Amino acid sequence: VQLQASGGGLAQAGGSLRLSCAASGRTFSNYAMGWFRQAPGKEREFVAWISRGGGSTNYEDSVKGRFTISRDNAKNTVYLQMNSLKPEDMANYYCAATSMWGGRYYSKDYNYWGQGTQVTVSS
């Protein structure tokens, strides 16, 4: 499956951005989806996960209550709504697809990756 992330940009601290990730090539609903991020000099880290049908989600602790992952299987798209942005949220954000049942928190759990979209937060 091919993944194309978009929606990154510059936001002020306390502001919001909405990332999108459009999928093509395979049946989107066969894949659980995740968002990861990587800041300069740091390892890629898990941000959020959503199940195939969208009924279950998981979040990294620092984004709980601020970020919301959702998906529209009719549009083959997964979203990450980011509110109350903080300078520490600044990173390159990646969407990823996994066919694995149970895996969600680690990069190795995912089969396919998008190209990343940069999020910059000014304080």
PDB file of N, CA and C in Angstrom:
ATOM      1  N   VAL A   1       0.844  -1.177   0.000  1.00  0.00           N
ATOM      2  CA  VAL A   1       0.000   0.000   0.000  1.00  0.00           C
ATOM      3  C   VAL A   1       0.886   1.237   0.000  1.00  0.00           C
ATOM      4  N   GLN A   2       0.485   2.228  -0.768  1.00  0.00           N
ATOM      5  CA  GLN A   2       1.235   3.494  -0.816  1.00  0.00           C
ATOM      6  C   GLN A   2       0.551   4.510   0.094  1.00  0.00           C
ATOM      7  N   LEU A   3       1.360   5.229   0.855  1.00  0.00           N
ATOM      8  CA  LEU A   3       0.841   6.195   1.820  1.00  0.00           C
ATOM      9  C   LEU A   3       1.405   7.575   1.527  1.00  0.00           C
ATOM     10  N   GLN A   4       0.528   8.566   1.543  1.00  0.00           N
ATOM     11  CA  GLN A   4       0.925   9.946   1.262  1.00  0.00           C
ATOM     12  C   GLN A   4       0.424  10.831   2.397  1.00  0.00           C
ATOM     13  N   ALA A   5       1.347  11.308   3.215  1.00  0.00           N
ATOM     14  CA  ALA A   5       0.994  12.170   4.338  1.00  0.00           C
ATOM     15  C   ALA A   5       1.020  13.628   3.917  1.00  0.00           C
ATOM     16  N   SER A   6       0.146  14.414   4.531  1.00  0.00           N
ATOM     17  CA  SER A   6       0.084  15.846   4.253  1.00  0.00           C
ATOM     18  C   SER A   6      -0.489  16.566   5.469  1.00  0.00           C
ATOM     19  N   GLY A   7      -0.446  17.888   5.418  1.00  0.00           N
ATOM     20  CA  GLY A   7      -1.070  18.680   6.459  1.00  0.00           C
ATOM     21  C   GLY A   7      -0.129  19.301   7.465  1.00  0.00           C
ATOM     22  N   GLY A   8       1.137  18.964   7.371  1.00  0.00           N
ATOM     23  CA  GLY A   8       2.089  19.580   8.281  1.00  0.00           C
ATOM     24  C   GLY A   8       2.278  21.056   7.961  1.00  0.00           C
ATOM     25  N   GLY A   9       2.964  21.733   8.859  1.00  0.00           N
ATOM     26  CA  GLY A   9       3.213  23.149   8.660  1.00  0.00           C
ATOM     27  C   GLY A   9       3.629  23.797   9.956  1.00  0.00           C
ATOM     28  N   LEU A  10       3.452  25.098   9.996  1.00  0.00           N
ATOM     29  CA  LEU A  10       3.846  25.896  11.151  1.00  0.00           C
ATOM     30  C   LEU A  10       2.619  26.256  11.973  1.00  0.00           C
ATOM     31  N   ALA A  11       2.696  26.031  13.262  1.00  0.00           N
ATOM     32  CA  ALA A  11       1.625  26.410  14.178  1.00  0.00           C
ATOM     33  C   ALA A  11       2.245  27.041  15.413  1.00  0.00           C
ATOM     34  N   GLN A  12       1.493  27.914  16.039  1.00  0.00           N
ATOM     35  CA  GLN A  12       1.933  28.487  17.305  1.00  0.00           C
ATOM     36  C   GLN A  12       1.635  27.510  18.432  1.00  0.00           C
ATOM     37  N   ALA A  13       2.389  27.610  19.506  1.00  0.00           N
ATOM     38  CA  ALA A  13       2.079  26.813  20.686  1.00  0.00           C
ATOM     39  C   ALA A  13       0.648  27.094  21.116  1.00  0.00           C
ATOM     40  N   GLY A  14      -0.077  26.009  21.403  1.00  0.00           N
ATOM     41  CA  GLY A  14      -1.487  26.131  21.732  1.00  0.00           C
ATOM     42  C   GLY A  14      -2.408  26.023  20.539  1.00  0.00           C
ATOM     43  N   GLY A  15      -1.829  26.035  19.353  1.00  0.00           N
ATOM     44  CA  GLY A  15      -2.617  25.947  18.137  1.00  0.00           C
ATOM     45  C   GLY A  15      -2.903  24.526  17.712  1.00  0.00           C
ATOM     46  N   SER A  16      -3.436  24.399  16.505  1.00  0.00           N
ATOM     47  CA  SER A  16      -3.870  23.099  16.007  1.00  0.00           C
ATOM     48  C   SER A  16      -3.405  22.882  14.578  1.00  0.00           C
ATOM     49  N   LEU A  17      -3.224  21.607  14.260  1.00  0.00           N
ATOM     50  CA  LEU A  17      -2.988  21.166  12.891  1.00  0.00           C
ATOM     51  C   LEU A  17      -3.708  19.842  12.699  1.00  0.00           C
ATOM     52  N   ARG A  18      -4.070  19.557  11.465  1.00  0.00           N
ATOM     53  CA  ARG A  18      -4.677  18.280  11.137  1.00  0.00           C
ATOM     54  C   ARG A  18      -3.870  17.610  10.036  1.00  0.00           C
ATOM     55  N   LEU A  19      -3.309  16.473  10.354  1.00  0.00           N
ATOM     56  CA  LEU A  19      -2.566  15.693   9.375  1.00  0.00           C
ATOM     57  C   LEU A  19      -3.493  14.687   8.699  1.00  0.00           C
ATOM     58  N   SER A  20      -3.213  14.441   7.441  1.00  0.00           N
ATOM     59  CA  SER A  20      -3.952  13.429   6.682  1.00  0.00           C
ATOM     60  C   SER A  20      -2.959  12.458   6.073  1.00  0.00           C
ATOM     61  N   CYS A  21      -3.419  11.257   5.861  1.00  0.00           N
ATOM     62  CA  CYS A  21      -2.600  10.242   5.210  1.00  0.00           C
ATOM     63  C   CYS A  21      -3.505   9.461   4.271  1.00  0.00           C
ATOM     64  N   ALA A  22      -3.288   9.630   2.982  1.00  0.00           N
ATOM     65  CA  ALA A  22      -4.101   8.958   1.970  1.00  0.00           C
ATOM     66  C   ALA A  22      -3.420   7.671   1.527  1.00  0.00           C
ATOM     67  N   ALA A  23      -4.177   6.603   1.481  1.00  0.00           N
ATOM     68  CA  ALA A  23      -3.650   5.288   1.117  1.00  0.00           C
ATOM     69  C   ALA A  23      -4.170   4.863  -0.240  1.00  0.00           C
ATOM     70  N   SER A  24      -3.352   4.106  -0.934  1.00  0.00           N
ATOM     71  CA  SER A  24      -3.769   3.565  -2.221  1.00  0.00           C
ATOM     72  C   SER A  24      -3.061   2.242  -2.448  1.00  0.00           C
ATOM     73  N   GLY A  25      -3.613   1.450  -3.337  1.00  0.00           N
ATOM     74  CA  GLY A  25      -2.937   0.238  -3.777  1.00  0.00           C
ATOM     75  C   GLY A  25      -3.477  -1.051  -3.207  1.00  0.00           C
ATOM     76  N   ARG A  26      -3.964  -1.031  -2.004  1.00  0.00           N
ATOM     77  CA  ARG A  26      -4.513  -2.249  -1.400  1.00  0.00           C
ATOM     78  C   ARG A  26      -5.757  -1.874  -0.612  1.00  0.00           C
ATOM     79  N   THR A  27      -6.445  -2.858  -0.096  1.00  0.00           N
ATOM     80  CA  THR A  27      -7.667  -2.595   0.654  1.00  0.00           C
ATOM     81  C   THR A  27      -7.312  -1.945   1.983  1.00  0.00           C
ATOM     82  N   PHE A  28      -7.651  -0.663   2.090  1.00  0.00           N
ATOM     83  CA  PHE A  28      -7.267   0.138   3.245  1.00  0.00           C
ATOM     84  C   PHE A  28      -7.781  -0.452   4.547  1.00  0.00           C
ATOM     85  N   SER A  29      -8.995  -0.953   4.537  1.00  0.00           N
ATOM     86  CA  SER A  29      -9.607  -1.446   5.769  1.00  0.00           C
ATOM     87  C   SER A  29      -8.981  -2.741   6.276  1.00  0.00           C
ATOM     88  N   ASN A  30      -8.075  -3.315   5.522  1.00  0.00           N
ATOM     89  CA  ASN A  30      -7.346  -4.505   5.989  1.00  0.00           C
ATOM     90  C   ASN A  30      -6.170  -4.154   6.891  1.00  0.00           C
ATOM     91  N   TYR A  31      -5.913  -2.867   7.054  1.00  0.00           N
ATOM     92  CA  TYR A  31      -4.743  -2.422   7.793  1.00  0.00           C
ATOM     93  C   TYR A  31      -5.128  -1.545   8.969  1.00  0.00           C
ATOM     94  N   ALA A  32      -4.545  -1.845  10.114  1.00  0.00           N
ATOM     95  CA  ALA A  32      -4.545  -0.868  11.199  1.00  0.00           C
ATOM     96  C   ALA A  32      -3.523   0.206  10.841  1.00  0.00           C
ATOM     97  N   MET A  33      -3.728   1.390  11.356  1.00  0.00           N
ATOM     98  CA  MET A  33      -2.883   2.522  10.971  1.00  0.00           C
ATOM     99  C   MET A  33      -2.256   3.184  12.197  1.00  0.00           C
ATOM    100  N   GLY A  34      -1.081   3.705  12.001  1.00  0.00           N
ATOM    101  CA  GLY A  34      -0.401   4.398  13.087  1.00  0.00           C
ATOM    102  C   GLY A  34       0.228   5.692  12.620  1.00  0.00           C
ATOM    103  N   TRP A  35       0.464   6.562  13.577  1.00  0.00           N
ATOM    104  CA  TRP A  35       1.254   7.777  13.355  1.00  0.00           C
ATOM    105  C   TRP A  35       2.475   7.707  14.272  1.00  0.00           C
ATOM    106  N   PHE A  36       3.614   8.032  13.713  1.00  0.00           N
ATOM    107  CA  PHE A  36       4.868   8.134  14.451  1.00  0.00           C
ATOM    108  C   PHE A  36       5.454   9.507  14.199  1.00  0.00           C
ATOM    109  N   ARG A  37       6.434   9.880  14.999  1.00  0.00           N
ATOM    110  CA  ARG A  37       7.129  11.141  14.767  1.00  0.00           C
ATOM    111  C   ARG A  37       8.597  10.981  15.101  1.00  0.00           C
ATOM    112  N   GLN A  38       9.391  11.818  14.451  1.00  0.00           N
ATOM    113  CA  GLN A  38      10.832  11.795  14.703  1.00  0.00           C
ATOM    114  C   GLN A  38      11.364  13.208  14.696  1.00  0.00           C
ATOM    115  N   ALA A  39      11.926  13.598  15.807  1.00  0.00           N
ATOM    116  CA  ALA A  39      12.556  14.898  15.941  1.00  0.00           C
ATOM    117  C   ALA A  39      14.045  14.755  15.639  1.00  0.00           C
ATOM    118  N   PRO A  40      14.704  15.838  15.237  1.00  0.00           N
ATOM    119  CA  PRO A  40      16.133  15.763  14.926  1.00  0.00           C
ATOM    120  C   PRO A  40      16.939  15.213  16.093  1.00  0.00           C
ATOM    121  N   GLY A  41      17.773  14.233  15.811  1.00  0.00           N
ATOM    122  CA  GLY A  41      18.623  13.658  16.837  1.00  0.00           C
ATOM    123  C   GLY A  41      17.956  12.666  17.749  1.00  0.00           C
ATOM    124  N   LYS A  42      16.684  12.383  17.471  1.00  0.00           N
ATOM    125  CA  LYS A  42      15.944  11.450  18.318  1.00  0.00           C
ATOM    126  C   LYS A  42      15.450  10.274  17.489  1.00  0.00           C
ATOM    127  N   GLU A  43      15.107   9.212  18.194  1.00  0.00           N
ATOM    128  CA  GLU A  43      14.552   8.044  17.515  1.00  0.00           C
ATOM    129  C   GLU A  43      13.088   8.282  17.159  1.00  0.00           C
ATOM    130  N   ARG A  44      12.616   7.549  16.166  1.00  0.00           N
ATOM    131  CA  ARG A  44      11.218   7.621  15.801  1.00  0.00           C
ATOM    132  C   ARG A  44      10.374   7.050  16.934  1.00  0.00           C
ATOM    133  N   GLU A  45       9.297   7.751  17.285  1.00  0.00           N
ATOM    134  CA  GLU A  45       8.481   7.312  18.400  1.00  0.00           C
ATOM    135  C   GLU A  45       7.011   7.203  17.991  1.00  0.00           C
ATOM    136  N   PHE A  46       6.337   6.285  18.651  1.00  0.00           N
ATOM    137  CA  PHE A  46       4.919   6.059  18.450  1.00  0.00           C
ATOM    138  C   PHE A  46       4.115   7.249  18.939  1.00  0.00           C
ATOM    139  N   VAL A  47       3.074   7.612  18.182  1.00  0.00           N
ATOM    140  CA  VAL A  47       2.180   8.694  18.587  1.00  0.00           C
ATOM    141  C   VAL A  47       0.756   8.169  18.804  1.00  0.00           C
ATOM    142  N   ALA A  48       0.225   7.470  17.796  1.00  0.00           N
ATOM    143  CA  ALA A  48      -1.174   7.027  17.892  1.00  0.00           C
ATOM    144  C   ALA A  48      -1.407   5.851  16.960  1.00  0.00           C
ATOM    145  N   TRP A  49      -2.433   5.080  17.286  1.00  0.00           N
ATOM    146  CA  TRP A  49      -2.811   3.881  16.522  1.00  0.00           C
ATOM    147  C   TRP A  49      -4.320   3.806  16.461  1.00  0.00           C
ATOM    148  N   ILE A  50      -4.833   3.281  15.319  1.00  0.00           N
ATOM    149  CA  ILE A  50      -6.262   3.076  15.180  1.00  0.00           C
ATOM    150  C   ILE A  50      -6.492   1.724  14.509  1.00  0.00           C
ATOM    151  N   SER A  51      -7.516   1.047  14.977  1.00  0.00           N
ATOM    152  CA  SER A  51      -7.826  -0.282  14.465  1.00  0.00           C
ATOM    153  C   SER A  51      -8.415  -0.217  13.060  1.00  0.00           C
ATOM    154  N   ARG A  52      -8.571  -1.376  12.463  1.00  0.00           N
ATOM    155  CA  ARG A  52      -9.039  -1.460  11.081  1.00  0.00           C
ATOM    156  C   ARG A  52     -10.393  -0.792  10.866  1.00  0.00           C
ATOM    157  N   GLY A  53     -11.292  -0.987  11.798  1.00  0.00           N
ATOM    158  CA  GLY A  53     -12.617  -0.408  11.683  1.00  0.00           C
ATOM    159  C   GLY A  53     -12.754   0.963  12.309  1.00  0.00           C
ATOM    160  N   GLY A  54     -11.728   1.363  13.037  1.00  0.00           N
ATOM    161  CA  GLY A  54     -11.745   2.673  13.680  1.00  0.00           C
ATOM    162  C   GLY A  54     -12.330   2.676  15.082  1.00  0.00           C
ATOM    163  N   GLY A  55     -12.725   1.524  15.571  1.00  0.00           N
ATOM    164  CA  GLY A  55     -13.377   1.488  16.864  1.00  0.00           C
ATOM    165  C   GLY A  55     -12.456   1.511  18.061  1.00  0.00           C
ATOM    166  N   SER A  56     -11.157   1.254  17.833  1.00  0.00           N
ATOM    167  CA  SER A  56     -10.184   1.257  18.936  1.00  0.00           C
ATOM    168  C   SER A  56      -9.021   2.170  18.584  1.00  0.00           C
ATOM    169  N   THR A  57      -8.543   2.863  19.589  1.00  0.00           N
ATOM    170  CA  THR A  57      -7.399   3.755  19.411  1.00  0.00           C
ATOM    171  C   THR A  57      -6.454   3.637  20.600  1.00  0.00           C
ATOM    172  N   ASN A  58      -5.196   3.993  20.369  1.00  0.00           N
ATOM    173  CA  ASN A  58      -4.198   4.067  21.433  1.00  0.00           C
ATOM    174  C   ASN A  58      -3.336   5.306  21.195  1.00  0.00           C
ATOM    175  N   TYR A  59      -2.856   5.892  22.291  1.00  0.00           N
ATOM    176  CA  TYR A  59      -2.048   7.098  22.188  1.00  0.00           C
ATOM    177  C   TYR A  59      -0.832   7.010  23.095  1.00  0.00           C
ATOM    178  N   GLU A  60       0.205   7.660  22.664  1.00  0.00           N
ATOM    179  CA  GLU A  60       1.364   7.865  23.530  1.00  0.00           C
ATOM    180  C   GLU A  60       0.940   8.825  24.635  1.00  0.00           C
ATOM    181  N   ASP A  61       1.468   8.619  25.813  1.00  0.00           N
ATOM    182  CA  ASP A  61       0.968   9.345  26.985  1.00  0.00           C
ATOM    183  C   ASP A  61       1.009  10.861  26.824  1.00  0.00           C
ATOM    184  N   SER A  62       2.042  11.392  26.200  1.00  0.00           N
ATOM    185  CA  SER A  62       2.199  12.851  26.149  1.00  0.00           C
ATOM    186  C   SER A  62       1.188  13.520  25.217  1.00  0.00           C
ATOM    187  N   VAL A  63       0.513  12.752  24.373  1.00  0.00           N
ATOM    188  CA  VAL A  63      -0.446  13.358  23.446  1.00  0.00           C
ATOM    189  C   VAL A  63      -1.892  13.054  23.816  1.00  0.00           C
ATOM    190  N   LYS A  64      -2.084  12.218  24.815  1.00  0.00           N
ATOM    191  CA  LYS A  64      -3.454  11.872  25.225  1.00  0.00           C
ATOM    192  C   LYS A  64      -4.214  13.133  25.629  1.00  0.00           C
ATOM    193  N   GLY A  65      -5.439  13.241  25.132  1.00  0.00           N
ATOM    194  CA  GLY A  65      -6.263  14.402  25.429  1.00  0.00           C
ATOM    195  C   GLY A  65      -6.017  15.585  24.527  1.00  0.00           C
ATOM    196  N   ARG A  66      -4.946  15.529  23.725  1.00  0.00           N
ATOM    197  CA  ARG A  66      -4.641  16.630  22.802  1.00  0.00           C
ATOM    198  C   ARG A  66      -4.746  16.207  21.338  1.00  0.00           C
ATOM    199  N   PHE A  67      -4.348  14.975  21.061  1.00  0.00           N
ATOM    200  CA  PHE A  67      -4.369  14.447  19.692  1.00  0.00           C
ATOM    201  C   PHE A  67      -5.499  13.441  19.550  1.00  0.00           C
ATOM    202  N   THR A  68      -6.069  13.391  18.350  1.00  0.00           N
ATOM    203  CA  THR A  68      -7.109  12.415  18.045  1.00  0.00           C
ATOM    204  C   THR A  68      -6.826  11.773  16.692  1.00  0.00           C
ATOM    205  N   ILE A  69      -6.743  10.458  16.686  1.00  0.00           N
ATOM    206  CA  ILE A  69      -6.583   9.728  15.431  1.00  0.00           C
ATOM    207  C   ILE A  69      -7.951   9.245  14.984  1.00  0.00           C
ATOM    208  N   SER A  70      -8.198   9.324  13.692  1.00  0.00           N
ATOM    209  CA  SER A  70      -9.451   8.839  13.126  1.00  0.00           C
ATOM    210  C   SER A  70      -9.187   8.348  11.713  1.00  0.00           C
ATOM    211  N   ARG A  71     -10.167   7.670  11.142  1.00  0.00           N
ATOM    212  CA  ARG A  71     -10.011   7.176   9.784  1.00  0.00           C
ATOM    213  C   ARG A  71     -11.349   7.179   9.073  1.00  0.00           C
ATOM    214  N   ASP A  72     -11.274   7.309   7.768  1.00  0.00           N
ATOM    215  CA  ASP A  72     -12.446   7.215   6.915  1.00  0.00           C
ATOM    216  C   ASP A  72     -12.121   6.151   5.867  1.00  0.00           C
ATOM    217  N   ASN A  73     -12.646   4.953   6.059  1.00  0.00           N
ATOM    218  CA  ASN A  73     -12.303   3.861   5.156  1.00  0.00           C
ATOM    219  C   ASN A  73     -12.897   4.056   3.760  1.00  0.00           C
ATOM    220  N   ALA A  74     -13.956   4.825   3.670  1.00  0.00           N
ATOM    221  CA  ALA A  74     -14.530   5.108   2.348  1.00  0.00           C
ATOM    222  C   ALA A  74     -13.609   6.017   1.540  1.00  0.00           C
ATOM    223  N   LYS A  75     -12.818   6.825   2.245  1.00  0.00           N
ATOM    224  CA  LYS A  75     -11.882   7.743   1.585  1.00  0.00           C
ATOM    225  C   LYS A  75     -10.442   7.253   1.640  1.00  0.00           C
ATOM    226  N   ASN A  76     -10.237   6.074   2.226  1.00  0.00           N
ATOM    227  CA  ASN A  76      -8.880   5.511   2.336  1.00  0.00           C
ATOM    228  C   ASN A  76      -7.911   6.489   2.996  1.00  0.00           C
ATOM    229  N   THR A  77      -8.371   7.122   4.053  1.00  0.00           N
ATOM    230  CA  THR A  77      -7.579   8.176   4.678  1.00  0.00           C
ATOM    231  C   THR A  77      -7.619   8.031   6.195  1.00  0.00           C
ATOM    232  N   VAL A  78      -6.475   8.274   6.809  1.00  0.00           N
ATOM    233  CA  VAL A  78      -6.375   8.358   8.263  1.00  0.00           C
ATOM    234  C   VAL A  78      -5.940   9.776   8.617  1.00  0.00           C
ATOM    235  N   TYR A  79      -6.425  10.258   9.748  1.00  0.00           N
ATOM    236  CA  TYR A  79      -6.183  11.633  10.163  1.00  0.00           C
ATOM    237  C   TYR A  79      -5.540  11.661  11.551  1.00  0.00           C
ATOM    238  N   LEU A  80      -4.851  12.745  11.818  1.00  0.00           N
ATOM    239  CA  LEU A  80      -4.357  13.016  13.158  1.00  0.00           C
ATOM    240  C   LEU A  80      -4.655  14.480  13.455  1.00  0.00           C
ATOM    241  N   GLN A  81      -5.657  14.700  14.281  1.00  0.00           N
ATOM    242  CA  GLN A  81      -5.999  16.053  14.733  1.00  0.00           C
ATOM    243  C   GLN A  81      -5.145  16.375  15.943  1.00  0.00           C
ATOM    244  N   MET A  82      -4.375  17.432  15.834  1.00  0.00           N
ATOM    245  CA  MET A  82      -3.447  17.809  16.905  1.00  0.00           C
ATOM    246  C   MET A  82      -3.857  19.164  17.457  1.00  0.00           C
ATOM    247  N   ASN A  83      -4.277  19.186  18.692  1.00  0.00           N
ATOM    248  CA  ASN A  83      -4.684  20.405  19.373  1.00  0.00           C
ATOM    249  C   ASN A  83      -3.716  20.720  20.509  1.00  0.00           C
ATOM    250  N   SER A  84      -3.780  21.938  20.992  1.00  0.00           N
ATOM    251  CA  SER A  84      -2.928  22.367  22.106  1.00  0.00           C
ATOM    252  C   SER A  84      -1.465  21.999  21.847  1.00  0.00           C
ATOM    253  N   LEU A  85      -0.994  22.322  20.688  1.00  0.00           N
ATOM    254  CA  LEU A  85       0.363  21.941  20.300  1.00  0.00           C
ATOM    255  C   LEU A  85       1.396  22.576  21.213  1.00  0.00           C
ATOM    256  N   LYS A  86       2.458  21.815  21.455  1.00  0.00           N
ATOM    257  CA  LYS A  86       3.562  22.259  22.295  1.00  0.00           C
ATOM    258  C   LYS A  86       4.845  22.242  21.465  1.00  0.00           C
ATOM    259  N   PRO A  87       5.834  23.011  21.832  1.00  0.00           N
ATOM    260  CA  PRO A  87       7.106  22.985  21.103  1.00  0.00           C
ATOM    261  C   PRO A  87       7.701  21.574  21.019  1.00  0.00           C
ATOM    262  N   GLU A  88       7.484  20.773  22.035  1.00  0.00           N
ATOM    263  CA  GLU A  88       8.025  19.413  22.024  1.00  0.00           C
ATOM    264  C   GLU A  88       7.299  18.481  21.041  1.00  0.00           C
ATOM    265  N   ASP A  89       6.196  18.951  20.450  1.00  0.00           N
ATOM    266  CA  ASP A  89       5.522  18.164  19.413  1.00  0.00           C
ATOM    267  C   ASP A  89       6.180  18.336  18.050  1.00  0.00           C
ATOM    268  N   MET A  90       7.102  19.264  17.945  1.00  0.00           N
ATOM    269  CA  MET A  90       7.738  19.555  16.664  1.00  0.00           C
ATOM    270  C   MET A  90       8.568  18.365  16.214  1.00  0.00           C
ATOM    271  N   ALA A  91       8.274  17.872  15.012  1.00  0.00           N
ATOM    272  CA  ALA A  91       8.924  16.676  14.484  1.00  0.00           C
ATOM    273  C   ALA A  91       8.430  16.440  13.068  1.00  0.00           C
ATOM    274  N   ASN A  92       9.042  15.461  12.434  1.00  0.00           N
ATOM    275  CA  ASN A  92       8.533  14.944  11.170  1.00  0.00           C
ATOM    276  C   ASN A  92       7.568  13.811  11.513  1.00  0.00           C
ATOM    277  N   TYR A  93       6.339  13.907  11.015  1.00  0.00           N
ATOM    278  CA  TYR A  93       5.312  12.940  11.358  1.00  0.00           C
ATOM    279  C   TYR A  93       5.106  11.961  10.202  1.00  0.00           C
ATOM    280  N   TYR A  94       5.048  10.682  10.541  1.00  0.00           N
ATOM    281  CA  TYR A  94       4.904   9.624   9.555  1.00  0.00           C
ATOM    282  C   TYR A  94       3.646   8.814   9.825  1.00  0.00           C
ATOM    283  N   CYS A  95       2.924   8.486   8.760  1.00  0.00           N
ATOM    284  CA  CYS A  95       1.853   7.513   8.901  1.00  0.00           C
ATOM    285  C   CYS A  95       2.370   6.152   8.452  1.00  0.00           C
ATOM    286  N   ALA A  96       1.756   5.111   8.994  1.00  0.00           N
ATOM    287  CA  ALA A  96       2.203   3.764   8.694  1.00  0.00           C
ATOM    288  C   ALA A  96       1.025   2.803   8.748  1.00  0.00           C
ATOM    289  N   ALA A  97       1.136   1.720   7.995  1.00  0.00           N
ATOM    290  CA  ALA A  97       0.082   0.708   7.931  1.00  0.00           C
ATOM    291  C   ALA A  97       0.633  -0.627   8.394  1.00  0.00           C
ATOM    292  N   THR A  98      -0.183  -1.342   9.151  1.00  0.00           N
ATOM    293  CA  THR A  98       0.230  -2.652   9.626  1.00  0.00           C
ATOM    294  C   THR A  98      -0.844  -3.698   9.382  1.00  0.00           C
ATOM    295  N   SER A  99      -0.403  -4.856   8.920  1.00  0.00           N
ATOM    296  CA  SER A  99      -1.295  -6.000   8.778  1.00  0.00           C
ATOM    297  C   SER A  99      -1.191  -6.924   9.990  1.00  0.00           C
ATOM    298  N   MET A 100      -0.325  -6.547  10.929  1.00  0.00           N
ATOM    299  CA  MET A 100      -0.099  -7.382  12.102  1.00  0.00           C
ATOM    300  C   MET A 100      -1.229  -7.213  13.096  1.00  0.00           C
ATOM    301  N   TRP A 101      -1.664  -8.331  13.638  1.00  0.00           N
ATOM    302  CA  TRP A 101      -2.668  -8.287  14.689  1.00  0.00           C
ATOM    303  C   TRP A 101      -1.944  -8.193  16.029  1.00  0.00           C
ATOM    304  N   GLY A 102      -2.212  -7.148  16.777  1.00  0.00           N
ATOM    305  CA  GLY A 102      -1.613  -6.965  18.093  1.00  0.00           C
ATOM    306  C   GLY A 102      -0.475  -5.966  18.111  1.00  0.00           C
ATOM    307  N   GLY A 103       0.322  -5.908  17.082  1.00  0.00           N
ATOM    308  CA  GLY A 103       1.422  -4.955  17.084  1.00  0.00           C
ATOM    309  C   GLY A 103       0.947  -3.555  16.767  1.00  0.00           C
ATOM    310  N   ARG A 104       1.507  -2.586  17.515  1.00  0.00           N
ATOM    311  CA  ARG A 104       1.081  -1.220  17.241  1.00  0.00           C
ATOM    312  C   ARG A 104       2.072  -0.170  17.697  1.00  0.00           C
ATOM    313  N   TYR A 105       2.917  -0.458  18.660  1.00  0.00           N
ATOM    314  CA  TYR A 105       3.727   0.570  19.299  1.00  0.00           C
ATOM    315  C   TYR A 105       5.124   0.739  18.706  1.00  0.00           C
ATOM    316  N   TYR A 106       5.558  -0.201  17.903  1.00  0.00           N
ATOM    317  CA  TYR A 106       6.937  -0.202  17.433  1.00  0.00           C
ATOM    318  C   TYR A 106       7.004  -0.112  15.912  1.00  0.00           C
ATOM    319  N   SER A 107       8.022   0.554  15.433  1.00  0.00           N
ATOM    320  CA  SER A 107       8.192   0.710  13.991  1.00  0.00           C
ATOM    321  C   SER A 107       8.220  -0.633  13.278  1.00  0.00           C
ATOM    322  N   LYS A 108       8.820  -1.624  13.894  1.00  0.00           N
ATOM    323  CA  LYS A 108       8.938  -2.935  13.273  1.00  0.00           C
ATOM    324  C   LYS A 108       7.607  -3.639  13.079  1.00  0.00           C
ATOM    325  N   ASP A 109       6.569  -3.145  13.716  1.00  0.00           N
ATOM    326  CA  ASP A 109       5.243  -3.744  13.592  1.00  0.00           C
ATOM    327  C   ASP A 109       4.551  -3.348  12.293  1.00  0.00           C
ATOM    328  N   TYR A 110       5.093  -2.369  11.569  1.00  0.00           N
ATOM    329  CA  TYR A 110       4.418  -1.784  10.422  1.00  0.00           C
ATOM    330  C   TYR A 110       5.054  -2.195   9.106  1.00  0.00           C
ATOM    331  N   ASN A 111       4.186  -2.463   8.109  1.00  0.00           N
ATOM    332  CA  ASN A 111       4.649  -2.933   6.811  1.00  0.00           C
ATOM    333  C   ASN A 111       4.969  -1.801   5.840  1.00  0.00           C
ATOM    334  N   TYR A 112       4.197  -0.720   5.935  1.00  0.00           N
ATOM    335  CA  TYR A 112       4.285   0.342   4.944  1.00  0.00           C
ATOM    336  C   TYR A 112       4.354   1.696   5.642  1.00  0.00           C
ATOM    337  N   TRP A 113       5.098   2.620   5.022  1.00  0.00           N
ATOM    338  CA  TRP A 113       5.320   3.950   5.602  1.00  0.00           C
ATOM    339  C   TRP A 113       5.096   5.032   4.568  1.00  0.00           C
ATOM    340  N   GLY A 114       4.544   6.144   5.028  1.00  0.00           N
ATOM    341  CA  GLY A 114       4.483   7.334   4.214  1.00  0.00           C
ATOM    342  C   GLY A 114       5.790   8.094   4.292  1.00  0.00           C
ATOM    343  N   GLN A 115       5.857   9.213   3.575  1.00  0.00           N
ATOM    344  CA  GLN A 115       7.108   9.946   3.432  1.00  0.00           C
ATOM    345  C   GLN A 115       7.361  10.941   4.543  1.00  0.00           C
ATOM    346  N   GLY A 116       6.379  11.210   5.377  1.00  0.00           N
ATOM    347  CA  GLY A 116       6.569  12.160   6.464  1.00  0.00           C
ATOM    348  C   GLY A 116       6.106  13.556   6.100  1.00  0.00           C
ATOM    349  N   THR A 117       5.610  14.255   7.087  1.00  0.00           N
ATOM    350  CA  THR A 117       5.217  15.648   6.931  1.00  0.00           C
ATOM    351  C   THR A 117       5.693  16.404   8.154  1.00  0.00           C
ATOM    352  N   GLN A 118       6.314  17.548   7.932  1.00  0.00           N
ATOM    353  CA  GLN A 118       6.983  18.286   9.006  1.00  0.00           C
ATOM    354  C   GLN A 118       5.997  19.148   9.776  1.00  0.00           C
ATOM    355  N   VAL A 119       6.060  19.052  11.074  1.00  0.00           N
ATOM    356  CA  VAL A 119       5.267  19.899  11.970  1.00  0.00           C
ATOM    357  C   VAL A 119       6.234  20.774  12.757  1.00  0.00           C
ATOM    358  N   THR A 120       6.044  22.078  12.662  1.00  0.00           N
ATOM    359  CA  THR A 120       6.865  23.044  13.383  1.00  0.00           C
ATOM    360  C   THR A 120       5.967  23.829  14.327  1.00  0.00           C
ATOM    361  N   VAL A 121       6.373  23.932  15.579  1.00  0.00           N
ATOM    362  CA  VAL A 121       5.583  24.630  16.579  1.00  0.00           C
ATOM    363  C   VAL A 121       6.431  25.760  17.152  1.00  0.00           C
ATOM    364  N   SER A 122       5.939  26.960  17.035  1.00  0.00           N
ATOM    365  CA  SER A 122       6.662  28.123  17.568  1.00  0.00           C
ATOM    366  C   SER A 122       6.151  28.461  18.952  1.00  0.00           C
ATOM    367  N   SER A 123       7.089  28.807  19.811  1.00  0.00           N
ATOM    368  CA  SER A 123       6.701  29.122  21.197  1.00  0.00           C
ATOM    369  C   SER A 123       6.475  30.606  21.381  1.00  0.00           C
TER     370      SER A 123
END
